[in-house]
N, C-alpha and C. Protein backbone atom coordinates (compact mmCIF):
# COMPACT_ATOMS: atom_id res chain seq x y z
N MET A 1 -23.55 38.94 66.66
CA MET A 1 -23.90 39.93 67.59
C MET A 1 -22.75 40.86 67.71
N THR A 2 -23.10 42.03 67.96
CA THR A 2 -22.11 43.08 68.03
C THR A 2 -21.86 43.35 69.50
N THR A 3 -20.60 43.55 69.72
CA THR A 3 -20.23 43.83 71.11
C THR A 3 -19.89 45.31 71.20
N THR A 4 -20.44 45.88 72.15
CA THR A 4 -20.16 47.30 72.39
C THR A 4 -19.36 47.38 73.67
N GLU A 5 -18.34 47.99 73.46
CA GLU A 5 -17.51 48.13 74.64
C GLU A 5 -17.82 49.47 75.29
N ALA A 6 -17.93 49.43 76.46
CA ALA A 6 -18.14 50.67 77.20
C ALA A 6 -16.82 51.06 77.82
N ARG A 7 -16.53 52.19 77.57
CA ARG A 7 -15.26 52.66 78.11
C ARG A 7 -15.57 53.70 79.17
N THR A 8 -14.98 53.59 80.24
CA THR A 8 -15.18 54.55 81.31
C THR A 8 -13.90 55.32 81.48
N THR A 9 -14.02 56.57 81.45
CA THR A 9 -12.85 57.42 81.64
C THR A 9 -12.99 58.10 82.98
N THR A 10 -11.97 58.02 83.69
CA THR A 10 -11.98 58.67 84.99
C THR A 10 -11.10 59.91 84.89
N VAL A 11 -11.65 61.00 85.26
CA VAL A 11 -10.90 62.26 85.25
C VAL A 11 -10.68 62.65 86.70
N GLU A 12 -9.45 62.80 86.98
CA GLU A 12 -9.16 63.24 88.34
C GLU A 12 -8.88 64.73 88.28
N ALA A 13 -9.56 65.42 89.04
CA ALA A 13 -9.34 66.86 89.09
C ALA A 13 -8.37 67.15 90.21
N SER A 14 -7.47 68.02 89.91
CA SER A 14 -6.48 68.37 90.90
C SER A 14 -6.64 69.85 91.18
N THR A 15 -6.77 70.23 92.39
CA THR A 15 -6.91 71.64 92.78
C THR A 15 -5.75 71.99 93.68
N THR A 16 -5.09 73.07 93.30
CA THR A 16 -3.98 73.52 94.13
C THR A 16 -4.42 74.81 94.80
N ILE A 17 -4.30 74.86 96.06
CA ILE A 17 -4.63 76.07 96.82
C ILE A 17 -3.31 76.65 97.32
N GLU A 18 -3.06 77.90 96.86
CA GLU A 18 -1.83 78.53 97.31
C GLU A 18 -2.05 79.10 98.69
N SER A 19 -1.09 78.97 99.48
CA SER A 19 -1.16 79.48 100.83
C SER A 19 -0.43 80.82 100.88
N THR A 20 -1.12 81.83 101.30
CA THR A 20 -0.54 83.16 101.42
C THR A 20 -0.47 83.52 102.89
N THR A 21 0.69 83.99 103.29
CA THR A 21 0.86 84.39 104.68
C THR A 21 0.81 85.91 104.74
N THR A 22 -0.06 86.41 105.53
CA THR A 22 -0.19 87.85 105.70
C THR A 22 0.32 88.20 107.09
N GLU A 23 1.24 89.18 107.11
CA GLU A 23 1.76 89.62 108.39
C GLU A 23 1.04 90.90 108.78
N ALA A 24 0.59 90.97 109.96
CA ALA A 24 -0.08 92.16 110.45
C ALA A 24 0.97 93.07 111.08
N THR A 25 0.91 94.33 110.70
CA THR A 25 1.83 95.31 111.26
C THR A 25 1.03 96.23 112.16
N THR A 26 1.50 96.40 113.34
CA THR A 26 0.84 97.29 114.28
C THR A 26 1.58 98.62 114.29
N VAL A 27 0.83 99.70 114.08
CA VAL A 27 1.41 101.03 114.11
C VAL A 27 0.99 101.69 115.40
N GLU A 28 1.97 102.13 116.14
CA GLU A 28 1.67 102.82 117.39
C GLU A 28 1.86 104.30 117.18
N GLU A 29 0.87 105.08 117.56
CA GLU A 29 0.98 106.52 117.46
C GLU A 29 1.60 107.05 118.74
N THR A 30 2.48 107.99 118.56
CA THR A 30 3.09 108.62 119.71
C THR A 30 2.63 110.06 119.75
N THR A 31 2.08 110.47 120.82
CA THR A 31 1.63 111.83 120.99
C THR A 31 2.60 112.52 121.93
N THR A 32 3.13 113.63 121.47
CA THR A 32 4.05 114.38 122.29
C THR A 32 3.32 115.61 122.82
N ALA A 33 3.31 115.75 124.09
CA ALA A 33 2.67 116.91 124.69
C ALA A 33 3.55 118.13 124.48
N VAL A 34 2.93 119.23 124.10
CA VAL A 34 3.65 120.48 123.91
C VAL A 34 3.25 121.40 125.06
N SER A 35 4.24 121.92 125.74
CA SER A 35 3.94 122.80 126.87
C SER A 35 3.44 124.15 126.35
N GLU A 36 2.83 124.92 127.22
CA GLU A 36 2.36 126.24 126.84
C GLU A 36 3.52 127.10 126.39
N ALA A 37 4.66 126.96 127.05
CA ALA A 37 5.85 127.74 126.68
C ALA A 37 6.31 127.37 125.28
N GLN A 38 6.34 126.07 124.96
CA GLN A 38 6.76 125.64 123.62
C GLN A 38 5.79 126.14 122.55
N LEU A 39 4.50 126.10 122.86
CA LEU A 39 3.50 126.59 121.93
C LEU A 39 3.66 128.09 121.72
N ALA A 40 3.90 128.83 122.79
CA ALA A 40 4.11 130.28 122.68
C ALA A 40 5.34 130.58 121.84
N VAL A 41 6.40 129.82 122.01
CA VAL A 41 7.62 130.01 121.21
C VAL A 41 7.32 129.74 119.74
N MET A 42 6.60 128.66 119.44
CA MET A 42 6.28 128.34 118.05
C MET A 42 5.45 129.45 117.41
N MET A 43 4.49 129.98 118.15
CA MET A 43 3.65 131.05 117.62
C MET A 43 4.47 132.32 117.42
N ALA A 44 5.35 132.63 118.36
CA ALA A 44 6.17 133.83 118.26
C ALA A 44 7.14 133.73 117.09
N GLN A 45 7.61 132.53 116.79
CA GLN A 45 8.56 132.36 115.68
C GLN A 45 7.96 132.76 114.34
N ALA A 46 6.64 132.77 114.25
CA ALA A 46 5.98 133.21 113.02
C ALA A 46 6.19 134.71 112.78
N LEU A 47 6.55 135.45 113.83
CA LEU A 47 6.75 136.90 113.70
C LEU A 47 8.21 137.30 113.53
N VAL A 48 9.12 136.34 113.57
CA VAL A 48 10.54 136.65 113.45
C VAL A 48 10.82 137.32 112.11
N GLY A 49 11.58 138.41 112.15
CA GLY A 49 11.95 139.09 110.91
C GLY A 49 12.20 140.57 111.11
N ASP A 50 12.45 141.24 110.00
CA ASP A 50 12.67 142.69 109.99
C ASP A 50 11.39 143.37 109.53
N TYR A 51 11.11 144.52 110.14
CA TYR A 51 9.90 145.28 109.84
C TYR A 51 10.25 146.74 109.63
N THR A 52 9.52 147.39 108.75
CA THR A 52 9.62 148.84 108.57
C THR A 52 8.22 149.39 108.45
N GLY A 53 8.06 150.63 108.84
CA GLY A 53 6.75 151.25 108.74
C GLY A 53 6.78 152.67 109.22
N GLU A 54 5.61 153.11 109.68
CA GLU A 54 5.45 154.51 110.07
C GLU A 54 4.50 154.64 111.25
N TRP A 55 4.77 155.61 112.08
CA TRP A 55 3.82 156.02 113.11
C TRP A 55 3.32 157.41 112.70
N SER A 56 2.09 157.72 113.07
CA SER A 56 1.52 159.01 112.71
C SER A 56 0.70 159.52 113.88
N ASP A 57 1.06 160.69 114.41
CA ASP A 57 0.36 161.33 115.52
C ASP A 57 -0.78 162.15 114.93
N THR A 58 -2.00 161.65 115.05
CA THR A 58 -3.15 162.33 114.45
C THR A 58 -3.60 163.53 115.28
N THR A 59 -3.14 163.64 116.53
CA THR A 59 -3.49 164.78 117.37
C THR A 59 -2.65 166.00 117.00
N TYR A 60 -1.35 165.82 116.87
CA TYR A 60 -0.44 166.95 116.63
C TYR A 60 0.12 167.00 115.21
N GLY A 61 -0.19 166.01 114.39
CA GLY A 61 0.22 166.04 113.00
C GLY A 61 1.65 165.65 112.71
N SER A 62 2.34 165.05 113.67
CA SER A 62 3.71 164.61 113.41
C SER A 62 3.72 163.14 112.99
N SER A 63 4.82 162.72 112.39
CA SER A 63 4.94 161.33 111.98
C SER A 63 6.41 160.98 111.90
N GLY A 64 6.68 159.69 111.80
CA GLY A 64 8.06 159.25 111.71
C GLY A 64 8.14 157.79 111.33
N SER A 65 9.35 157.33 111.22
CA SER A 65 9.58 155.96 110.79
C SER A 65 9.61 154.99 111.97
N ILE A 66 9.40 153.73 111.65
CA ILE A 66 9.56 152.62 112.61
C ILE A 66 10.41 151.57 111.92
N GLU A 67 11.46 151.17 112.58
CA GLU A 67 12.26 150.04 112.12
C GLU A 67 12.35 149.07 113.28
N ALA A 68 12.12 147.79 113.02
CA ALA A 68 12.14 146.81 114.11
C ALA A 68 12.68 145.48 113.59
N GLU A 69 13.29 144.76 114.51
CA GLU A 69 13.73 143.39 114.24
C GLU A 69 13.22 142.53 115.38
N VAL A 70 12.48 141.48 115.03
CA VAL A 70 11.92 140.57 116.02
C VAL A 70 12.70 139.26 115.97
N SER A 71 13.13 138.80 117.15
CA SER A 71 13.82 137.50 117.24
C SER A 71 13.26 136.73 118.42
N VAL A 72 13.43 135.42 118.38
CA VAL A 72 12.94 134.54 119.44
C VAL A 72 14.09 133.65 119.90
N ASP A 73 14.25 133.53 121.20
CA ASP A 73 15.21 132.59 121.78
C ASP A 73 14.38 131.46 122.40
N ALA A 74 14.32 130.34 121.71
CA ALA A 74 13.50 129.21 122.17
C ALA A 74 14.01 128.65 123.49
N ALA A 75 15.32 128.67 123.71
CA ALA A 75 15.88 128.10 124.94
C ALA A 75 15.45 128.87 126.18
N THR A 76 15.31 130.19 126.06
CA THR A 76 14.92 131.01 127.21
C THR A 76 13.47 131.46 127.13
N ALA A 77 12.77 131.07 126.07
CA ALA A 77 11.37 131.45 125.86
C ALA A 77 11.19 132.97 125.96
N THR A 78 11.99 133.68 125.17
CA THR A 78 11.89 135.14 125.14
C THR A 78 11.78 135.64 123.70
N VAL A 79 11.06 136.74 123.56
CA VAL A 79 10.98 137.46 122.30
C VAL A 79 11.71 138.78 122.50
N THR A 80 12.58 139.11 121.56
CA THR A 80 13.30 140.37 121.62
C THR A 80 12.90 141.21 120.42
N VAL A 81 12.57 142.47 120.68
CA VAL A 81 12.21 143.41 119.63
C VAL A 81 13.18 144.58 119.71
N ASP A 82 14.05 144.69 118.72
CA ASP A 82 14.92 145.85 118.60
C ASP A 82 14.15 146.87 117.78
N VAL A 83 13.85 148.02 118.38
CA VAL A 83 12.98 148.99 117.71
C VAL A 83 13.62 150.38 117.71
N ASP A 84 13.42 151.07 116.60
CA ASP A 84 13.91 152.43 116.46
C ASP A 84 12.78 153.28 115.89
N LEU A 85 12.31 154.23 116.69
CA LEU A 85 11.28 155.17 116.26
C LEU A 85 11.98 156.44 115.82
N GLY A 86 11.64 156.93 114.63
CA GLY A 86 12.28 158.12 114.11
C GLY A 86 11.47 159.38 114.32
N ARG A 87 12.16 160.49 114.42
CA ARG A 87 11.61 161.85 114.51
C ARG A 87 11.16 162.20 115.92
N PHE A 88 10.31 163.17 116.03
CA PHE A 88 9.88 163.79 117.28
C PHE A 88 8.79 162.93 117.93
N VAL A 89 9.18 161.94 118.75
CA VAL A 89 8.26 160.94 119.29
C VAL A 89 7.75 161.36 120.68
N PHE A 90 6.46 161.33 120.87
CA PHE A 90 5.82 161.63 122.16
C PHE A 90 6.26 162.98 122.72
N GLY A 91 6.54 163.91 121.85
CA GLY A 91 6.95 165.24 122.30
C GLY A 91 8.32 165.27 122.95
N MET A 92 9.15 164.24 122.72
CA MET A 92 10.44 164.16 123.41
C MET A 92 11.62 164.13 122.45
N GLY A 93 11.44 164.39 121.20
CA GLY A 93 12.55 164.28 120.27
C GLY A 93 12.70 162.85 119.78
N ASP A 94 13.78 162.60 119.05
CA ASP A 94 14.05 161.29 118.47
C ASP A 94 14.71 160.40 119.52
N PRO A 95 13.98 159.42 120.06
CA PRO A 95 14.58 158.58 121.10
C PRO A 95 15.61 157.63 120.50
N PRO A 96 16.58 157.21 121.31
CA PRO A 96 17.54 156.22 120.80
C PRO A 96 16.85 154.88 120.56
N ALA A 97 17.41 154.10 119.66
CA ALA A 97 16.89 152.74 119.44
C ALA A 97 16.97 151.98 120.75
N GLU A 98 16.07 151.05 120.95
CA GLU A 98 16.09 150.27 122.18
C GLU A 98 15.66 148.84 121.94
N THR A 99 15.92 148.00 122.92
CA THR A 99 15.57 146.59 122.86
C THR A 99 14.50 146.29 123.89
N LEU A 100 13.39 145.74 123.43
CA LEU A 100 12.31 145.29 124.31
C LEU A 100 12.41 143.77 124.39
N THR A 101 12.34 143.23 125.59
CA THR A 101 12.40 141.78 125.76
C THR A 101 11.17 141.33 126.52
N PHE A 102 10.49 140.33 125.97
CA PHE A 102 9.29 139.78 126.60
C PHE A 102 9.50 138.30 126.90
N GLU A 103 9.15 137.90 128.11
CA GLU A 103 9.16 136.47 128.46
C GLU A 103 7.86 135.88 127.97
N ILE A 104 7.94 134.78 127.21
CA ILE A 104 6.73 134.22 126.61
C ILE A 104 6.36 132.85 127.17
N GLY A 105 7.03 132.41 128.22
CA GLY A 105 6.77 131.09 128.73
C GLY A 105 5.67 131.01 129.78
N GLY A 106 5.24 132.14 130.29
CA GLY A 106 4.26 132.12 131.39
C GLY A 106 2.86 132.44 130.93
N GLU A 107 2.04 132.71 131.91
CA GLU A 107 0.65 133.06 131.65
C GLU A 107 0.58 134.46 131.01
N PRO A 108 -0.38 134.67 130.11
CA PRO A 108 -0.55 136.01 129.56
C PRO A 108 -1.06 136.97 130.64
N PRO A 109 -0.84 138.24 130.53
CA PRO A 109 -0.14 138.90 129.45
C PRO A 109 1.38 138.78 129.60
N LEU A 110 2.08 139.03 128.51
CA LEU A 110 3.53 139.03 128.53
C LEU A 110 4.01 140.33 129.17
N THR A 111 5.17 140.29 129.80
CA THR A 111 5.70 141.50 130.41
C THR A 111 7.06 141.83 129.83
N GLY A 112 7.36 143.12 129.79
CA GLY A 112 8.63 143.57 129.27
C GLY A 112 8.94 144.95 129.82
N THR A 113 10.08 145.50 129.41
CA THR A 113 10.50 146.81 129.88
C THR A 113 11.03 147.63 128.71
N SER A 114 10.71 148.92 128.72
CA SER A 114 11.19 149.86 127.72
C SER A 114 11.90 151.01 128.42
N ALA A 115 13.04 151.43 127.90
CA ALA A 115 13.76 152.58 128.46
C ALA A 115 12.97 153.87 128.25
N VAL A 116 12.14 153.91 127.21
CA VAL A 116 11.39 155.12 126.90
C VAL A 116 10.10 155.21 127.70
N VAL A 117 9.36 154.10 127.80
CA VAL A 117 8.04 154.16 128.46
C VAL A 117 7.91 153.27 129.69
N GLY A 118 8.95 152.58 130.11
CA GLY A 118 8.92 151.80 131.35
C GLY A 118 8.39 150.39 131.18
N ASP A 119 7.73 149.88 132.24
CA ASP A 119 7.21 148.51 132.25
C ASP A 119 6.05 148.37 131.27
N LEU A 120 6.06 147.24 130.55
CA LEU A 120 5.06 146.97 129.52
C LEU A 120 4.32 145.67 129.80
N THR A 121 3.07 145.61 129.39
CA THR A 121 2.35 144.34 129.31
C THR A 121 1.83 144.21 127.89
N LEU A 122 1.91 143.01 127.37
CA LEU A 122 1.47 142.73 126.00
C LEU A 122 0.54 141.53 126.05
N ASP A 123 -0.66 141.73 125.55
CA ASP A 123 -1.65 140.65 125.51
C ASP A 123 -2.03 140.41 124.06
N VAL A 124 -1.78 139.19 123.57
CA VAL A 124 -2.13 138.82 122.20
C VAL A 124 -3.23 137.78 122.27
N ALA A 125 -4.32 138.04 121.57
CA ALA A 125 -5.47 137.13 121.58
C ALA A 125 -5.36 136.13 120.43
N VAL A 126 -6.17 135.07 120.51
CA VAL A 126 -6.14 134.04 119.47
C VAL A 126 -6.59 134.55 118.11
N ASP A 127 -7.33 135.66 118.08
CA ASP A 127 -7.76 136.22 116.79
C ASP A 127 -6.73 137.20 116.23
N ASP A 128 -5.50 137.17 116.77
CA ASP A 128 -4.38 138.00 116.33
C ASP A 128 -4.57 139.49 116.58
N THR A 129 -5.40 139.82 117.55
CA THR A 129 -5.45 141.21 118.01
C THR A 129 -4.52 141.32 119.20
N PHE A 130 -4.07 142.52 119.48
CA PHE A 130 -3.16 142.70 120.60
C PHE A 130 -3.42 144.02 121.30
N GLU A 131 -2.92 144.09 122.52
CA GLU A 131 -2.92 145.34 123.28
C GLU A 131 -1.61 145.42 124.05
N LEU A 132 -0.89 146.51 123.84
CA LEU A 132 0.36 146.78 124.53
C LEU A 132 0.09 147.97 125.45
N VAL A 133 0.36 147.80 126.75
CA VAL A 133 0.04 148.84 127.73
C VAL A 133 1.25 149.14 128.59
N ALA A 134 1.47 150.44 128.82
CA ALA A 134 2.45 150.91 129.80
C ALA A 134 1.70 151.89 130.70
N ASP A 135 1.42 151.46 131.93
CA ASP A 135 0.72 152.33 132.89
C ASP A 135 1.73 152.92 133.86
N ALA A 136 1.43 154.12 134.33
CA ALA A 136 2.30 154.81 135.28
C ALA A 136 3.73 154.81 134.76
N VAL A 137 3.83 155.21 133.51
CA VAL A 137 5.11 155.19 132.82
C VAL A 137 6.06 156.21 133.44
N PRO A 138 7.25 155.77 133.84
CA PRO A 138 8.20 156.77 134.33
C PRO A 138 8.75 157.61 133.19
N GLY A 139 9.18 156.94 132.10
CA GLY A 139 9.73 157.65 130.95
C GLY A 139 10.89 158.56 131.33
N PRO A 140 11.83 158.73 130.44
CA PRO A 140 13.00 159.55 130.76
C PRO A 140 12.66 161.02 130.98
N SER A 141 11.61 161.51 130.33
CA SER A 141 11.27 162.93 130.48
C SER A 141 10.28 163.16 131.62
N GLY A 142 9.65 162.09 132.09
CA GLY A 142 8.63 162.26 133.12
C GLY A 142 7.34 162.82 132.57
N ARG A 143 7.23 163.03 131.27
CA ARG A 143 6.04 163.62 130.66
C ARG A 143 4.92 162.63 130.42
N ILE A 144 5.25 161.35 130.22
CA ILE A 144 4.24 160.35 129.85
C ILE A 144 3.80 159.60 131.09
N THR A 145 2.47 159.47 131.27
CA THR A 145 1.95 158.69 132.39
C THR A 145 1.35 157.36 131.96
N ALA A 146 0.99 157.23 130.68
CA ALA A 146 0.45 155.96 130.19
C ALA A 146 0.54 155.91 128.67
N LEU A 147 0.63 154.69 128.16
CA LEU A 147 0.64 154.45 126.72
C LEU A 147 -0.14 153.17 126.46
N THR A 148 -1.04 153.22 125.48
CA THR A 148 -1.77 152.02 125.05
C THR A 148 -1.72 151.95 123.54
N VAL A 149 -1.35 150.78 123.03
CA VAL A 149 -1.38 150.51 121.59
C VAL A 149 -2.25 149.27 121.41
N ALA A 150 -3.28 149.39 120.57
CA ALA A 150 -4.16 148.25 120.30
C ALA A 150 -4.26 148.07 118.80
N GLY A 151 -4.23 146.82 118.36
CA GLY A 151 -4.31 146.60 116.92
C GLY A 151 -4.41 145.15 116.56
N SER A 152 -3.91 144.84 115.35
CA SER A 152 -4.01 143.47 114.87
C SER A 152 -2.75 143.08 114.11
N ILE A 153 -2.52 141.78 114.06
CA ILE A 153 -1.40 141.20 113.33
C ILE A 153 -1.99 140.50 112.11
N GLY A 154 -1.58 140.92 110.93
CA GLY A 154 -2.12 140.36 109.70
C GLY A 154 -1.52 139.00 109.37
N ALA A 155 -2.13 138.31 108.42
CA ALA A 155 -1.64 137.00 107.99
C ALA A 155 -0.23 137.08 107.43
N ASP A 156 0.13 138.24 106.89
CA ASP A 156 1.48 138.44 106.34
C ASP A 156 2.48 138.88 107.40
N GLY A 157 2.03 138.98 108.67
CA GLY A 157 2.91 139.40 109.76
C GLY A 157 2.92 140.89 109.97
N GLY A 158 2.27 141.65 109.10
CA GLY A 158 2.21 143.10 109.27
C GLY A 158 1.39 143.47 110.50
N ILE A 159 1.68 144.62 111.07
CA ILE A 159 1.00 145.07 112.29
C ILE A 159 0.38 146.43 112.04
N GLU A 160 -0.89 146.56 112.38
CA GLU A 160 -1.63 147.81 112.28
C GLU A 160 -2.21 148.10 113.65
N GLY A 161 -2.13 149.35 114.09
CA GLY A 161 -2.69 149.66 115.40
C GLY A 161 -2.94 151.13 115.61
N ASP A 162 -3.64 151.41 116.69
CA ASP A 162 -3.92 152.78 117.14
C ASP A 162 -3.31 152.94 118.52
N TYR A 163 -2.81 154.14 118.80
CA TYR A 163 -2.22 154.37 120.12
C TYR A 163 -2.78 155.61 120.78
N VAL A 164 -2.70 155.62 122.09
CA VAL A 164 -3.05 156.79 122.91
C VAL A 164 -1.93 156.98 123.92
N VAL A 165 -1.40 158.19 123.97
CA VAL A 165 -0.38 158.55 124.95
C VAL A 165 -1.02 159.54 125.90
N GLN A 166 -0.88 159.29 127.20
CA GLN A 166 -1.39 160.23 128.22
C GLN A 166 -0.19 160.93 128.84
N PHE A 167 -0.25 162.27 128.86
CA PHE A 167 0.83 163.05 129.42
C PHE A 167 0.51 163.47 130.84
N ASN A 168 1.54 163.83 131.61
CA ASN A 168 1.34 164.16 133.03
C ASN A 168 0.54 165.45 133.23
N ASP A 169 0.37 166.28 132.18
CA ASP A 169 -0.44 167.49 132.31
C ASP A 169 -1.92 167.22 132.00
N GLY A 170 -2.28 165.95 131.77
CA GLY A 170 -3.67 165.58 131.51
C GLY A 170 -4.04 165.53 130.04
N THR A 171 -3.17 165.98 129.15
CA THR A 171 -3.47 165.94 127.72
C THR A 171 -3.12 164.55 127.16
N THR A 172 -3.65 164.29 125.98
CA THR A 172 -3.37 163.02 125.31
C THR A 172 -2.97 163.28 123.86
N ALA A 173 -2.34 162.30 123.28
CA ALA A 173 -2.05 162.31 121.85
C ALA A 173 -2.47 160.95 121.31
N GLU A 174 -3.14 160.97 120.18
CA GLU A 174 -3.57 159.72 119.55
C GLU A 174 -2.93 159.59 118.19
N GLY A 175 -2.79 158.35 117.75
CA GLY A 175 -2.19 158.14 116.46
C GLY A 175 -2.30 156.71 115.99
N THR A 176 -1.58 156.42 114.90
CA THR A 176 -1.62 155.10 114.29
C THR A 176 -0.19 154.59 114.09
N VAL A 177 -0.07 153.28 114.03
CA VAL A 177 1.20 152.62 113.67
C VAL A 177 0.90 151.59 112.60
N SER A 178 1.83 151.45 111.68
CA SER A 178 1.69 150.46 110.62
C SER A 178 3.07 149.97 110.23
N VAL A 179 3.31 148.68 110.37
CA VAL A 179 4.59 148.10 109.97
C VAL A 179 4.35 146.85 109.13
N ALA A 180 5.28 146.62 108.22
CA ALA A 180 5.22 145.43 107.37
C ALA A 180 6.57 144.76 107.38
N ARG A 181 6.60 143.48 107.06
CA ARG A 181 7.90 142.79 106.93
C ARG A 181 8.69 143.44 105.81
N SER A 182 9.98 143.60 106.07
CA SER A 182 10.83 144.20 105.04
C SER A 182 11.35 143.14 104.11
């Protein structure tokens, strides 16, 4: 008789499970509130620079140059515009260069003063249009009673506008202004 041996093989399976530790990181967002004054300063800083251009009186046919430098003092929330208009301006000859200062930290419109046309208000809208007004202007000659300049600020910082000057004799002069960054 033949003997058959049965062989049993036992296979042990070994499974290794690696343990991975994941650390969770929490990110906290910090939101800093910006005051209206800070926002106004940031917006005004986009206009900082030197500008050159021309004004043209379409009523009387005169024209002249415009040179301006815009600066912003963030600490005092003011915009300063050093401006020089050339030639026979508003029927008064070539006025001296002057500095206009506007406080930008308060509610609109902005206010400022000009030696040539007196107290100013400047209102700039969110669509980059503006209106600069001087009512009851004293002016050095006493000839001007009001000045309005309305226009727009381009994406390149250039300024285009139309103006109306009212004189104390009831007449007006109209014209255009155009300045670009130099």
